[in-house]
Protein backbone atom coordinates (compact mmCIF):
# COMPACT_ATOMS: atom_id res chain seq x y z
CA MET A 1 37.16 -74.33 0.34
CA ARG A 2 35.48 -70.74 0.39
CA THR A 3 31.75 -71.29 0.39
CA GLN A 4 29.44 -70.59 -2.34
CA GLY A 5 28.47 -66.51 -1.92
CA PHE A 6 31.66 -65.77 -0.55
CA LYS A 7 33.98 -64.29 -2.92
CA ARG A 8 36.70 -61.50 -3.31
CA ARG A 9 35.15 -58.19 -3.28
CA THR A 10 38.22 -56.20 -4.45
CA SER A 11 36.24 -54.10 -6.78
CA SER A 12 33.65 -53.18 -4.92
CA LEU A 13 35.50 -52.69 -1.64
CA LEU A 14 37.78 -50.06 -3.66
CA THR A 15 34.46 -48.47 -4.98
CA ILE A 16 33.12 -48.04 -1.63
CA VAL A 17 36.68 -46.49 -0.27
CA GLY A 18 36.51 -44.23 -3.45
CA LEU A 19 33.26 -42.73 -2.71
CA GLY A 20 34.18 -42.49 1.03
CA ILE A 21 33.15 -45.11 3.62
CA VAL A 22 29.16 -45.22 4.62
CA LEU A 23 28.61 -47.89 6.98
CA PRO A 24 24.74 -49.48 7.12
CA LEU A 25 22.66 -47.15 8.77
CA ALA A 26 19.24 -49.53 9.51
CA MET A 27 19.02 -51.76 12.12
CA GLY A 28 17.71 -55.05 10.79
CA ASN A 29 16.75 -58.50 12.38
CA THR A 30 19.05 -61.43 12.29
CA PRO A 31 18.74 -63.47 8.85
CA ALA A 32 16.15 -66.46 9.81
CA HIS A 33 18.91 -69.14 8.60
CA ALA A 34 21.36 -67.72 11.17
CA GLN A 35 19.36 -67.97 14.34
CA GLU A 36 21.96 -69.90 15.84
CA ALA A 37 25.04 -67.83 14.91
CA ARG A 38 25.17 -64.28 16.70
CA LEU A 39 27.73 -61.59 15.94
CA VAL A 40 28.75 -58.99 18.35
CA VAL A 41 31.30 -56.21 18.17
CA ASP A 42 33.40 -54.25 20.90
CA LYS A 43 35.82 -51.42 20.80
CA THR A 44 38.10 -50.12 22.68
CA GLY A 45 40.73 -47.02 22.42
CA GLY A 46 43.63 -46.15 24.03
CA ASN A 47 47.49 -44.28 23.62
CA PHE A 48 46.63 -41.25 21.98
CA VAL A 49 48.91 -38.83 21.61
CA ARG A 50 47.95 -35.03 20.76
CA GLY A 51 49.94 -34.16 17.32
CA GLY A 52 50.86 -38.12 17.37
CA THR A 53 48.85 -41.22 16.84
CA GLY A 54 46.03 -43.25 18.41
CA GLN A 55 44.91 -46.73 18.31
CA TYR A 56 41.56 -48.73 18.12
CA THR A 57 41.03 -52.07 18.63
CA ILE A 58 37.81 -53.57 17.36
CA THR A 59 36.80 -57.17 17.98
CA VAL A 60 34.02 -59.39 16.27
CA THR A 61 32.76 -62.56 17.94
CA ASN A 62 30.33 -65.49 16.93
CA THR A 63 29.11 -65.78 19.99
CA GLY A 64 26.32 -68.38 18.73
CA THR A 65 26.62 -72.26 18.21
CA GLU A 66 26.64 -72.18 14.61
CA GLN A 67 28.43 -70.84 11.95
CA TRP A 68 27.62 -67.26 10.32
CA THR A 69 27.02 -68.16 6.68
CA VAL A 70 26.12 -64.59 5.07
CA PRO A 71 29.26 -62.02 4.42
CA VAL A 72 29.32 -59.31 6.96
CA SER A 73 31.14 -56.10 6.90
CA VAL A 74 32.78 -54.15 9.96
CA GLY A 75 34.07 -50.89 10.08
CA ASP A 76 34.27 -47.22 11.77
CA ASN A 77 33.41 -43.59 10.61
CA LEU A 78 35.65 -41.28 12.26
CA PRO A 79 34.37 -38.17 13.81
CA PRO A 80 34.79 -35.06 11.45
CA ALA A 81 37.47 -33.38 13.19
CA GLY A 82 40.49 -34.42 15.20
CA LEU A 83 41.58 -37.95 13.78
CA THR A 84 42.81 -39.15 10.21
CA PRO A 85 42.56 -42.90 9.80
CA VAL A 86 45.95 -44.27 8.84
CA SER A 87 45.78 -48.36 8.60
CA VAL A 88 43.75 -51.30 9.45
CA ALA A 89 45.12 -54.55 10.09
CA PRO A 90 42.60 -57.52 10.79
CA SER A 91 44.11 -60.68 12.81
CA ASP A 92 43.22 -62.76 10.18
CA PRO A 93 43.71 -60.95 6.53
CA ALA A 94 42.73 -64.24 4.46
CA GLN A 95 39.33 -64.10 6.42
CA TRP A 96 39.07 -60.27 5.81
CA GLU A 97 39.45 -57.55 3.17
CA CYS A 98 39.88 -54.21 4.44
CA ALA A 99 40.52 -50.78 3.37
CA VAL A 100 40.66 -47.21 4.80
CA SER A 101 39.42 -44.20 3.31
CA THR A 102 40.16 -40.25 4.47
CA ALA A 103 37.46 -38.46 2.50
CA PRO A 104 34.65 -37.79 2.67
CA ASN A 105 33.58 -39.94 5.08
CA PRO A 106 36.94 -41.02 6.83
CA GLY A 107 37.05 -44.22 8.48
CA PHE A 108 37.60 -48.01 7.31
CA LEU A 109 35.90 -50.93 6.28
CA CYS A 110 36.26 -54.82 6.36
CA ILE A 111 34.24 -57.33 4.34
CA SER A 112 34.13 -61.13 5.31
CA GLN A 113 35.36 -63.39 2.47
CA ASP A 114 34.30 -66.92 4.55
CA PRO A 115 31.76 -68.06 6.68
CA ILE A 116 32.45 -67.30 10.39
CA PRO A 117 32.40 -70.30 12.71
CA ALA A 118 30.74 -70.29 16.23
CA GLY A 119 32.94 -69.19 18.85
CA ALA A 120 35.49 -67.44 16.54
CA THR A 121 36.89 -64.18 17.18
CA TYR A 122 38.58 -61.53 14.71
CA THR A 123 40.48 -58.76 16.30
CA PHE A 124 40.96 -55.41 13.93
CA THR A 125 43.78 -52.75 15.08
CA PHE A 126 42.69 -49.60 13.80
CA ASN A 127 45.80 -46.72 13.92
CA VAL A 128 44.68 -43.35 13.59
CA ALA A 129 46.81 -39.82 13.35
CA VAL A 130 45.81 -37.23 16.17
CA ALA A 131 45.63 -33.49 15.10
CA ALA A 132 47.80 -31.07 17.39
CA ASP A 133 44.16 -29.27 17.82
CA ALA A 134 42.36 -32.51 18.16
CA PRO A 135 39.33 -32.27 20.68
CA CYS A 136 39.80 -33.14 24.15
CA PHE A 137 37.36 -35.83 23.57
CA VAL A 138 36.37 -37.87 20.56
CA THR A 139 33.58 -40.32 20.03
CA ASP A 140 33.00 -42.55 17.32
CA GLU A 141 31.39 -45.95 16.64
CA ALA A 142 32.18 -49.35 15.54
CA VAL A 143 29.61 -51.13 13.20
CA LEU A 144 28.67 -54.60 11.98
CA GLY A 145 26.05 -55.55 9.48
CA THR A 146 25.20 -57.71 6.79
CA TYR A 147 26.96 -57.08 3.62
CA SER A 148 25.91 -56.96 -0.14
CA GLU A 149 26.63 -54.52 -2.69
CA SER A 150 23.23 -52.95 -2.56
CA GLY A 151 23.34 -52.39 1.16
CA GLY A 152 22.95 -54.45 4.61
CA ALA A 153 21.42 -54.47 8.23
CA VAL A 154 22.92 -53.43 11.41
CA LEU A 155 23.71 -56.37 13.30
CA ASP A 156 25.80 -54.89 16.26
CA ARG A 157 27.28 -51.49 17.36
CA LYS A 158 29.75 -50.04 19.91
CA GLN A 159 30.23 -46.88 20.70
CA VAL A 160 33.11 -45.42 22.70
CA THR A 161 34.43 -41.67 24.06
CA THR A 162 38.48 -41.43 23.99
CA THR A 163 40.20 -38.64 26.12
CA ILE A 164 42.85 -37.13 24.24
CA PRO A 165 45.25 -34.98 26.80
CA GLY A 166 47.28 -32.57 26.72
CA GLY A 167 47.45 -28.82 25.75
CA SER A 168 44.50 -27.05 27.31
CA CYS A 169 42.81 -30.58 28.12
CA GLY A 170 44.84 -31.19 31.23
CA GLY A 171 47.46 -34.49 31.71
CA ASP A 172 50.63 -33.85 30.28
CA GLY A 173 51.03 -30.06 29.15
CA GLY A 174 47.92 -29.00 31.00
CA ASN A 175 47.13 -26.31 33.49
CA GLY A 176 45.37 -28.50 36.21
CA GLY A 177 46.39 -28.99 39.63
CA ASN A 178 50.00 -28.86 39.60
CA GLY A 179 50.14 -26.31 42.67
CA GLY A 180 51.80 -23.41 40.87
CA GLY A 181 49.47 -20.47 42.10
CA GLY A 182 50.19 -18.01 44.59
CA SER A 183 49.58 -17.65 48.39
CA LEU A 184 45.90 -18.68 49.18
CA LEU A 185 45.12 -15.32 50.93
CA PRO A 186 47.05 -12.67 49.40
CA ILE A 187 44.86 -10.45 51.38
CA ASN A 188 45.71 -7.03 53.49
CA LEU A 189 44.28 -6.94 56.70
CA ASN A 190 46.06 -3.98 58.01
CA GLY A 191 43.43 -1.53 59.72
CA ILE A 192 40.49 -4.17 59.56
CA PHE A 193 41.28 -6.03 62.86
CA THR A 194 43.15 -5.26 66.06
CA MET A 195 46.46 -6.72 65.91
CA PHE A 196 48.07 -7.74 69.23
CA ASN A 197 52.05 -7.71 69.98
CA ASN A 198 53.99 -11.16 70.19
CA ILE A 199 51.77 -13.60 68.21
CA SER A 200 53.94 -17.04 67.77
CA THR A 201 53.32 -18.36 64.46
CA SER A 202 52.95 -22.23 64.04
CA ASN A 203 55.88 -23.46 61.73
CA ASN A 204 53.58 -25.50 59.37
CA ILE A 205 52.61 -23.08 56.74
CA ASN A 206 53.63 -23.89 53.34
CA SER A 207 52.07 -21.60 50.92
CA PRO A 208 54.14 -20.43 48.05
CA GLY A 209 56.07 -17.38 48.73
CA ALA A 210 55.32 -17.30 52.36
CA THR A 211 57.76 -17.36 55.17
CA ASN A 212 57.64 -18.71 58.45
CA SER A 213 58.42 -16.90 61.62
CA THR A 214 58.13 -16.75 65.20
CA ASN A 215 57.54 -14.32 67.97
CA GLN A 216 56.27 -11.56 65.03
CA ASN A 217 55.67 -8.12 66.06
CA PHE A 218 52.56 -5.91 65.07
CA THR A 219 51.56 -2.85 65.38
CA ASN A 220 48.45 -2.16 67.40
CA THR A 221 45.81 -0.85 65.30
CA THR A 222 42.11 0.07 65.79
CA HIS A 223 39.74 0.42 62.52
């Protein structure tokens, strides 16, 4: 049975999404009646492919000893460039009503439908599209807060910075450290030093484009 005060909020959630998702901005105190309940949020990101997709995992946990009895929201506003929300999937769809928005504030928002028991953990899989010209690094933040149609207060937040490899950012398709350069010392020393005949070179030179030989004959020149 659903606790009084919790109800389906489809119309209000769609209104929020239609206007663009804006998460709570002010840090508030935990409600007095919920001091023995404590909600925390965590977030990880990975498997981002330039011109493809990426995925965030957001986790909400009640680490307290009592159930949380007021509605809460969890969401994520994406950075202004590089990522576009595709979908969000809560681990318990009956507990969380979720939606995504692409403009003017791209991200997702989920609202709890029942009290959150002590020790309960919920995960949210947030899939995004990654632009071909996305930045090398993107930073965004998951925010957990109390919910009401007139606003709410932030309970916890988790910010992560994700690397998007490829292109000029290194990794696959990058230019870093591939050993494709030329000789390390393409310098003509003729006329600078006195050279002597019959200098035997070692056979461990492996500069690209170079050749190894022994008993090289040099012309004796003096600058």
